[in-house]
Amino acid sequence: MSKKRVQVGQVYQTVGSSVGRTWRVKATVDLFGIPHARIVSTEDEGDVKTLSCTVLIDAAHYRLVEAAPAAA
């Protein structure tokens, strides 16, 4: 099992898109028992989508470009 975890505040970028849009995790939710992430574009906060956390941590689809901020 993967040790990667999706956390609020992380920023991901689509693989194969070095200058493309980046997405910040705003929330995590369980939909039908499957963990999902609500992500928002860092360029346009009106652009929101929900992805399975499995897809988001899959290196074939997205890559982590910024870790979540440390808890204070």
N, C-alpha and C. Protein backbone atom coordinates (compact mmCIF):
# COMPACT_ATOMS: atom_id res chain seq x y z
N MET A 1 0.84 -1.19 0.00
CA MET A 1 0.00 0.00 0.00
C MET A 1 0.89 1.25 0.00
N SER A 2 0.48 2.23 -0.72
CA SER A 2 1.25 3.47 -0.85
C SER A 2 1.22 4.28 0.45
N LYS A 3 2.35 4.90 0.75
CA LYS A 3 2.45 5.76 1.93
C LYS A 3 2.07 7.20 1.60
N LYS A 4 1.85 7.50 0.33
CA LYS A 4 1.49 8.86 -0.07
C LYS A 4 0.10 9.19 0.44
N ARG A 5 -0.05 10.43 0.92
CA ARG A 5 -1.35 10.89 1.39
C ARG A 5 -1.65 12.25 0.79
N VAL A 6 -2.88 12.43 0.43
CA VAL A 6 -3.32 13.73 -0.08
C VAL A 6 -3.70 14.58 1.12
N GLN A 7 -3.15 15.79 1.19
CA GLN A 7 -3.41 16.70 2.30
C GLN A 7 -3.84 18.06 1.77
N VAL A 8 -4.70 18.70 2.52
CA VAL A 8 -5.14 20.06 2.19
C VAL A 8 -3.92 20.97 2.12
N GLY A 9 -3.86 21.76 1.06
CA GLY A 9 -2.76 22.70 0.86
C GLY A 9 -1.72 22.23 -0.14
N GLN A 10 -1.69 20.93 -0.43
CA GLN A 10 -0.74 20.43 -1.42
C GLN A 10 -1.10 20.99 -2.80
N VAL A 11 -0.08 21.13 -3.65
CA VAL A 11 -0.29 21.62 -5.02
C VAL A 11 0.23 20.56 -5.98
N TYR A 12 -0.61 20.22 -6.97
CA TYR A 12 -0.28 19.21 -7.97
C TYR A 12 -0.33 19.83 -9.35
N GLN A 13 0.41 19.20 -10.27
CA GLN A 13 0.40 19.62 -11.67
C GLN A 13 0.20 18.38 -12.54
N THR A 14 -0.52 18.54 -13.62
CA THR A 14 -0.75 17.44 -14.54
C THR A 14 0.58 16.99 -15.14
N VAL A 15 0.82 15.70 -15.19
CA VAL A 15 2.04 15.15 -15.77
C VAL A 15 2.07 15.49 -17.25
N GLY A 16 3.26 15.84 -17.74
CA GLY A 16 3.42 16.19 -19.14
C GLY A 16 3.09 17.64 -19.44
N SER A 17 2.84 18.42 -18.40
CA SER A 17 2.46 19.82 -18.57
C SER A 17 3.35 20.68 -17.69
N SER A 18 4.58 20.94 -18.14
CA SER A 18 5.55 21.66 -17.31
C SER A 18 5.17 23.11 -17.06
N VAL A 19 4.38 23.70 -17.94
CA VAL A 19 3.95 25.09 -17.74
C VAL A 19 2.44 25.17 -17.59
N GLY A 20 1.82 24.04 -17.37
CA GLY A 20 0.37 23.99 -17.29
C GLY A 20 -0.16 24.42 -15.94
N ARG A 21 -1.43 24.33 -15.81
CA ARG A 21 -2.16 24.73 -14.62
C ARG A 21 -1.78 23.86 -13.42
N THR A 22 -1.73 24.49 -12.27
CA THR A 22 -1.51 23.75 -11.03
C THR A 22 -2.80 23.80 -10.21
N TRP A 23 -2.94 22.80 -9.35
CA TRP A 23 -4.17 22.61 -8.58
C TRP A 23 -3.85 22.46 -7.10
N ARG A 24 -4.55 23.21 -6.26
CA ARG A 24 -4.37 23.16 -4.80
C ARG A 24 -5.50 22.34 -4.18
N VAL A 25 -5.14 21.44 -3.27
CA VAL A 25 -6.14 20.64 -2.57
C VAL A 25 -6.83 21.54 -1.54
N LYS A 26 -8.14 21.70 -1.69
CA LYS A 26 -8.93 22.52 -0.76
C LYS A 26 -9.58 21.69 0.32
N ALA A 27 -9.92 20.43 0.01
CA ALA A 27 -10.59 19.57 0.99
C ALA A 27 -10.45 18.12 0.54
N THR A 28 -10.60 17.22 1.50
CA THR A 28 -10.70 15.80 1.18
C THR A 28 -12.04 15.31 1.69
N VAL A 29 -12.65 14.43 0.92
CA VAL A 29 -13.98 13.90 1.26
C VAL A 29 -14.04 12.43 0.88
N ASP A 30 -14.93 11.70 1.54
CA ASP A 30 -15.21 10.32 1.16
C ASP A 30 -16.50 10.30 0.36
N LEU A 31 -16.44 9.77 -0.84
CA LEU A 31 -17.62 9.60 -1.67
C LEU A 31 -17.81 8.11 -1.90
N PHE A 32 -18.88 7.57 -1.36
CA PHE A 32 -19.16 6.14 -1.47
C PHE A 32 -18.02 5.30 -0.90
N GLY A 33 -17.39 5.81 0.16
CA GLY A 33 -16.31 5.09 0.82
C GLY A 33 -14.96 5.21 0.14
N ILE A 34 -14.87 6.02 -0.89
CA ILE A 34 -13.61 6.22 -1.62
C ILE A 34 -13.09 7.63 -1.36
N PRO A 35 -11.83 7.76 -0.90
CA PRO A 35 -11.30 9.10 -0.64
C PRO A 35 -11.10 9.90 -1.92
N HIS A 36 -11.58 11.15 -1.89
CA HIS A 36 -11.47 12.07 -3.01
C HIS A 36 -10.88 13.39 -2.51
N ALA A 37 -10.36 14.16 -3.44
CA ALA A 37 -9.84 15.49 -3.14
C ALA A 37 -10.60 16.52 -3.97
N ARG A 38 -10.99 17.60 -3.32
CA ARG A 38 -11.55 18.75 -4.05
C ARG A 38 -10.38 19.68 -4.31
N ILE A 39 -10.13 19.92 -5.59
CA ILE A 39 -8.98 20.74 -5.97
C ILE A 39 -9.46 21.97 -6.73
N VAL A 40 -8.69 23.05 -6.57
CA VAL A 40 -9.03 24.31 -7.21
C VAL A 40 -7.79 24.82 -7.97
N SER A 41 -8.02 25.38 -9.13
CA SER A 41 -6.92 25.92 -9.92
C SER A 41 -6.24 27.05 -9.15
N THR A 42 -4.93 27.09 -9.20
CA THR A 42 -4.20 28.18 -8.54
C THR A 42 -4.30 29.47 -9.36
N GLU A 43 -4.76 29.36 -10.61
CA GLU A 43 -4.89 30.52 -11.49
C GLU A 43 -6.31 31.08 -11.52
N ASP A 44 -7.29 30.21 -11.29
CA ASP A 44 -8.69 30.62 -11.37
C ASP A 44 -9.48 29.83 -10.34
N GLU A 45 -9.72 30.42 -9.19
CA GLU A 45 -10.37 29.70 -8.09
C GLU A 45 -11.80 29.28 -8.40
N GLY A 46 -12.33 29.74 -9.52
CA GLY A 46 -13.65 29.31 -9.95
C GLY A 46 -13.60 27.96 -10.66
N ASP A 47 -12.40 27.51 -10.99
CA ASP A 47 -12.21 26.23 -11.67
C ASP A 47 -11.92 25.17 -10.61
N VAL A 48 -12.93 24.36 -10.31
CA VAL A 48 -12.85 23.37 -9.24
C VAL A 48 -13.20 22.01 -9.79
N LYS A 49 -12.51 20.97 -9.30
CA LYS A 49 -12.90 19.62 -9.67
C LYS A 49 -12.64 18.68 -8.51
N THR A 50 -13.27 17.52 -8.57
CA THR A 50 -13.11 16.50 -7.55
C THR A 50 -12.52 15.27 -8.21
N LEU A 51 -11.41 14.78 -7.63
CA LEU A 51 -10.72 13.61 -8.16
C LEU A 51 -10.54 12.58 -7.06
N SER A 52 -10.49 11.34 -7.43
CA SER A 52 -10.12 10.29 -6.49
C SER A 52 -8.70 10.56 -6.02
N CYS A 53 -8.44 10.36 -4.75
CA CYS A 53 -7.07 10.55 -4.22
C CYS A 53 -6.10 9.59 -4.90
N THR A 54 -6.58 8.41 -5.29
CA THR A 54 -5.75 7.44 -5.99
C THR A 54 -5.23 8.01 -7.30
N VAL A 55 -6.07 8.71 -8.03
CA VAL A 55 -5.65 9.34 -9.28
C VAL A 55 -4.67 10.48 -9.00
N LEU A 56 -4.95 11.26 -7.99
CA LEU A 56 -4.11 12.43 -7.70
C LEU A 56 -2.69 12.03 -7.31
N ILE A 57 -2.52 10.92 -6.61
CA ILE A 57 -1.16 10.50 -6.20
C ILE A 57 -0.50 9.58 -7.22
N ASP A 58 -1.21 9.25 -8.30
CA ASP A 58 -0.65 8.39 -9.35
C ASP A 58 0.32 9.21 -10.20
N ALA A 59 1.59 8.84 -10.17
CA ALA A 59 2.64 9.59 -10.87
C ALA A 59 2.43 9.62 -12.39
N ALA A 60 1.57 8.77 -12.90
CA ALA A 60 1.28 8.79 -14.33
C ALA A 60 0.32 9.92 -14.70
N HIS A 61 -0.36 10.49 -13.69
CA HIS A 61 -1.37 11.52 -13.96
C HIS A 61 -1.00 12.90 -13.39
N TYR A 62 -0.55 12.92 -12.14
CA TYR A 62 -0.24 14.19 -11.47
C TYR A 62 1.08 14.07 -10.73
N ARG A 63 1.72 15.22 -10.51
CA ARG A 63 2.92 15.23 -9.68
C ARG A 63 2.79 16.32 -8.63
N LEU A 64 3.27 16.03 -7.45
CA LEU A 64 3.26 16.98 -6.35
C LEU A 64 4.32 18.04 -6.60
N VAL A 65 3.92 19.31 -6.60
CA VAL A 65 4.89 20.39 -6.82
C VAL A 65 5.08 21.26 -5.60
N GLU A 66 4.19 21.14 -4.62
CA GLU A 66 4.30 21.92 -3.39
C GLU A 66 3.64 21.15 -2.26
N ALA A 67 4.38 20.96 -1.18
CA ALA A 67 3.84 20.24 -0.03
C ALA A 67 2.85 21.12 0.73
N ALA A 68 2.06 20.46 1.56
CA ALA A 68 1.11 21.18 2.41
C ALA A 68 1.89 22.02 3.42
N PRO A 69 1.36 23.18 3.79
CA PRO A 69 2.03 24.00 4.80
C PRO A 69 2.11 23.23 6.12
N ALA A 70 3.18 23.45 6.85
CA ALA A 70 3.36 22.80 8.15
C ALA A 70 2.34 23.36 9.14
N ALA A 71 1.85 22.49 10.00
CA ALA A 71 0.89 22.92 11.03
C ALA A 71 1.59 23.82 12.03
N ALA A 72 0.89 24.85 12.46
CA ALA A 72 1.49 25.81 13.40
C ALA A 72 1.37 25.32 14.82
